[in-house]
Amino acid sequence: MIGLALLTFVFVACASGNQTASQAPEKVTIAYQPGINYANLLIIKQQQILEKQFPKTQFEWEELSNGGGFRLIR
């Protein structure tokens, strides 16, 4: 799960058309659902691992009640 979260971040950082590969995006939104399946991601959130690793990026954490809320955010 940690790998999935970091992979998502790397994908978002690389997919931005107006930034070089070495720059992190200004803002990243991470959506998750409550439950044991997202325990690793909740630990990342609680310990602010991504915020410490990428201090110039604002992370927005969205808790979803079901899978219907997932969509591409640009």
C-alpha atoms as a PDB file:
ATOM      1  CA  MET A   1       0.000   0.000   0.000  1.00  0.00           C
ATOM      2  CA  ILE A   2       2.850   2.402   0.755  1.00  0.00           C
ATOM      3  CA  GLY A   3       4.285   1.598  -2.637  1.00  0.00           C
ATOM      4  CA  LEU A   4       0.929   2.370  -4.259  1.00  0.00           C
ATOM      5  CA  ALA A   5       0.727   5.772  -2.572  1.00  0.00           C
ATOM      6  CA  LEU A   6       4.258   6.700  -3.580  1.00  0.00           C
ATOM      7  CA  LEU A   7       3.723   5.388  -7.092  1.00  0.00           C
ATOM      8  CA  THR A   8       0.616   7.551  -7.360  1.00  0.00           C
ATOM      9  CA  PHE A   9       2.579  10.584  -6.227  1.00  0.00           C
ATOM     10  CA  VAL A  10       5.372   9.925  -8.717  1.00  0.00           C
ATOM     11  CA  PHE A  11       2.831   9.480 -11.509  1.00  0.00           C
ATOM     12  CA  VAL A  12       1.137  12.785 -10.663  1.00  0.00           C
ATOM     13  CA  ALA A  13       4.484  14.555 -10.428  1.00  0.00           C
ATOM     14  CA  CYS A  14       5.635  13.233 -13.799  1.00  0.00           C
ATOM     15  CA  ALA A  15       2.306  13.720 -15.576  1.00  0.00           C
ATOM     16  CA  SER A  16       2.256  17.472 -15.111  1.00  0.00           C
ATOM     17  CA  GLY A  17       2.974  19.080 -18.463  1.00  0.00           C
ATOM     18  CA  ASN A  18       4.330  22.423 -17.239  1.00  0.00           C
ATOM     19  CA  GLN A  19       6.953  21.106 -14.816  1.00  0.00           C
ATOM     20  CA  THR A  20      10.286  19.398 -15.195  1.00  0.00           C
ATOM     21  CA  ALA A  21      10.781  15.877 -13.883  1.00  0.00           C
ATOM     22  CA  SER A  22      12.775  17.143 -10.892  1.00  0.00           C
ATOM     23  CA  GLN A  23       9.963  19.391  -9.599  1.00  0.00           C
ATOM     24  CA  ALA A  24       7.119  18.216  -7.415  1.00  0.00           C
ATOM     25  CA  PRO A  25       3.572  19.473  -8.066  1.00  0.00           C
ATOM     26  CA  GLU A  26       2.185  22.291  -5.936  1.00  0.00           C
ATOM     27  CA  LYS A  27      -0.795  20.250  -4.764  1.00  0.00           C
ATOM     28  CA  VAL A  28      -1.677  16.533  -4.595  1.00  0.00           C
ATOM     29  CA  THR A  29      -5.054  15.147  -3.543  1.00  0.00           C
ATOM     30  CA  ILE A  30      -5.047  11.644  -2.068  1.00  0.00           C
ATOM     31  CA  ALA A  31      -8.388   9.871  -1.718  1.00  0.00           C
ATOM     32  CA  TYR A  32      -8.853   6.918   0.606  1.00  0.00           C
ATOM     33  CA  GLN A  33     -11.578   4.880   2.207  1.00  0.00           C
ATOM     34  CA  PRO A  34     -11.764   4.029   5.902  1.00  0.00           C
ATOM     35  CA  GLY A  35     -10.786   0.498   6.787  1.00  0.00           C
ATOM     36  CA  ILE A  36      -7.927  -1.903   7.336  1.00  0.00           C
ATOM     37  CA  ASN A  37      -7.067  -2.022   3.616  1.00  0.00           C
ATOM     38  CA  TYR A  38      -5.892   1.592   3.809  1.00  0.00           C
ATOM     39  CA  ALA A  39      -3.960   1.227   7.082  1.00  0.00           C
ATOM     40  CA  ASN A  40      -0.568   1.899   5.462  1.00  0.00           C
ATOM     41  CA  LEU A  41      -1.870   5.017   3.769  1.00  0.00           C
ATOM     42  CA  LEU A  42      -3.381   6.233   7.049  1.00  0.00           C
ATOM     43  CA  ILE A  43       0.006   5.789   8.737  1.00  0.00           C
ATOM     44  CA  ILE A  44       1.616   7.847   5.959  1.00  0.00           C
ATOM     45  CA  LYS A  45      -1.008  10.538   6.588  1.00  0.00           C
ATOM     46  CA  GLN A  46      -0.697  10.461  10.373  1.00  0.00           C
ATOM     47  CA  GLN A  47       3.104  10.623  10.362  1.00  0.00           C
ATOM     48  CA  GLN A  48       3.105  13.222   7.550  1.00  0.00           C
ATOM     49  CA  ILE A  49       5.690  11.235   5.608  1.00  0.00           C
ATOM     50  CA  LEU A  50       4.828  12.766   2.238  1.00  0.00           C
ATOM     51  CA  GLU A  51       4.721  16.285   3.680  1.00  0.00           C
ATOM     52  CA  LYS A  52       8.208  15.804   5.124  1.00  0.00           C
ATOM     53  CA  GLN A  53       9.568  14.269   1.913  1.00  0.00           C
ATOM     54  CA  PHE A  54       8.041  16.961  -0.340  1.00  0.00           C
ATOM     55  CA  PRO A  55       7.805  20.156   1.769  1.00  0.00           C
ATOM     56  CA  LYS A  56       6.879  22.404  -1.174  1.00  0.00           C
ATOM     57  CA  THR A  57       3.850  20.270  -2.068  1.00  0.00           C
ATOM     58  CA  GLN A  58       0.468  20.713  -0.403  1.00  0.00           C
ATOM     59  CA  PHE A  59      -1.234  17.379   0.287  1.00  0.00           C
ATOM     60  CA  GLU A  60      -5.007  17.197   0.526  1.00  0.00           C
ATOM     61  CA  TRP A  61      -6.454  14.026   2.080  1.00  0.00           C
ATOM     62  CA  GLU A  62     -10.020  13.091   1.079  1.00  0.00           C
ATOM     63  CA  GLU A  63     -11.902  10.353   2.898  1.00  0.00           C
ATOM     64  CA  LEU A  64     -14.466   8.638   0.685  1.00  0.00           C
ATOM     65  CA  SER A  65     -17.470   6.674   1.863  1.00  0.00           C
ATOM     66  CA  ASN A  66     -17.445   4.402  -1.215  1.00  0.00           C
ATOM     67  CA  GLY A  67     -15.486   3.804  -4.423  1.00  0.00           C
ATOM     68  CA  GLY A  68     -17.842   5.920  -6.524  1.00  0.00           C
ATOM     69  CA  GLY A  69     -15.975   9.105  -5.647  1.00  0.00           C
ATOM     70  CA  PHE A  70     -12.723   8.258  -7.415  1.00  0.00           C
ATOM     71  CA  ARG A  71     -12.101  10.488 -10.414  1.00  0.00           C
ATOM     72  CA  LEU A  72      -9.186  12.145 -12.104  1.00  0.00           C
ATOM     73  CA  ILE A  73      -8.494  15.518 -10.510  1.00  0.00           C
ATOM     74  CA  ARG A  74      -6.544  18.052 -12.543  1.00  0.00           C
END
